[in-house]
Amino acid sequence: QKIPEIIIKAHSSTELKSGGYHIMLLKLKKPIIKDMKVNLDLKFNNHKTIELKNIDSKEF
């Protein structure tokens, strides 16, 4: 079920995983292929960004 946002309260955490909260990558400019490394930027409402670098395509 699609949800518009995941609220994470201060000093708490949440886990992104298959079968639970997860991120779907839609309308990609290029397909993700086997053994590819990808970078993701997660942008938050407080204007902070977390950069995830060199994620192995096996994680998708």
Protein backbone atom coordinates (compact mmCIF):
# COMPACT_ATOMS: atom_id res chain seq x y z
CA GLN A 1 0.00 0.00 0.00
CA LYS A 2 1.41 3.37 -1.02
CA ILE A 3 1.85 5.93 1.74
CA PRO A 4 2.78 9.59 1.17
CA GLU A 5 5.42 9.72 3.92
CA ILE A 6 7.08 7.82 6.74
CA ILE A 7 7.13 9.84 9.95
CA ILE A 8 10.21 9.16 12.08
CA LYS A 9 10.07 10.87 15.46
CA ALA A 10 13.15 12.50 16.98
CA HIS A 11 15.59 10.01 18.55
CA SER A 12 13.85 7.05 16.92
CA SER A 13 14.43 5.02 13.77
CA THR A 14 12.64 2.87 11.24
CA GLU A 15 13.81 0.08 8.96
CA LEU A 16 13.29 -0.08 5.21
CA LYS A 17 12.90 -3.67 4.02
CA SER A 18 10.99 -5.89 1.63
CA GLY A 19 7.56 -6.70 3.04
CA GLY A 20 7.60 -3.59 5.23
CA TYR A 21 8.45 0.03 4.55
CA HIS A 22 10.49 0.23 1.38
CA ILE A 23 11.39 2.61 -1.42
CA MET A 24 10.22 1.94 -4.96
CA LEU A 25 12.31 3.41 -7.76
CA LEU A 26 9.98 4.58 -10.53
CA LYS A 27 10.56 6.28 -13.89
CA LEU A 28 14.29 5.57 -13.91
CA LYS A 29 16.36 7.21 -16.63
CA LYS A 30 18.25 3.92 -17.11
CA PRO A 31 17.37 0.39 -15.97
CA ILE A 32 19.27 -1.11 -13.06
CA ILE A 33 21.13 -4.15 -14.36
CA LYS A 34 22.96 -7.04 -12.69
CA ASP A 35 26.18 -6.11 -10.84
CA MET A 36 25.52 -2.37 -11.25
CA LYS A 37 26.37 0.04 -8.42
CA VAL A 38 23.89 2.85 -7.87
CA ASN A 39 23.73 6.06 -5.84
CA LEU A 40 20.57 7.35 -4.16
CA ASP A 41 19.86 10.72 -2.55
CA LEU A 42 17.17 10.63 0.14
CA LYS A 43 15.69 14.10 0.62
CA PHE A 44 13.78 14.96 3.77
CA ASN A 45 11.20 17.61 4.73
CA ASN A 46 13.79 19.34 6.93
CA HIS A 47 15.83 19.95 3.74
CA LYS A 48 18.54 17.47 4.77
CA THR A 49 19.81 14.90 2.28
CA ILE A 50 21.39 11.52 2.93
CA GLU A 51 23.56 10.22 0.10
CA LEU A 52 23.70 6.44 -0.33
CA LYS A 53 26.62 5.56 -2.57
CA ASN A 54 27.66 2.40 -4.40
CA ILE A 55 24.63 0.32 -3.46
CA ASP A 56 24.95 -3.12 -5.02
CA SER A 57 22.12 -3.90 -7.45
CA LYS A 58 21.68 -7.24 -5.64
CA GLU A 59 20.02 -5.23 -2.86
CA PHE A 60 17.13 -4.36 -5.18
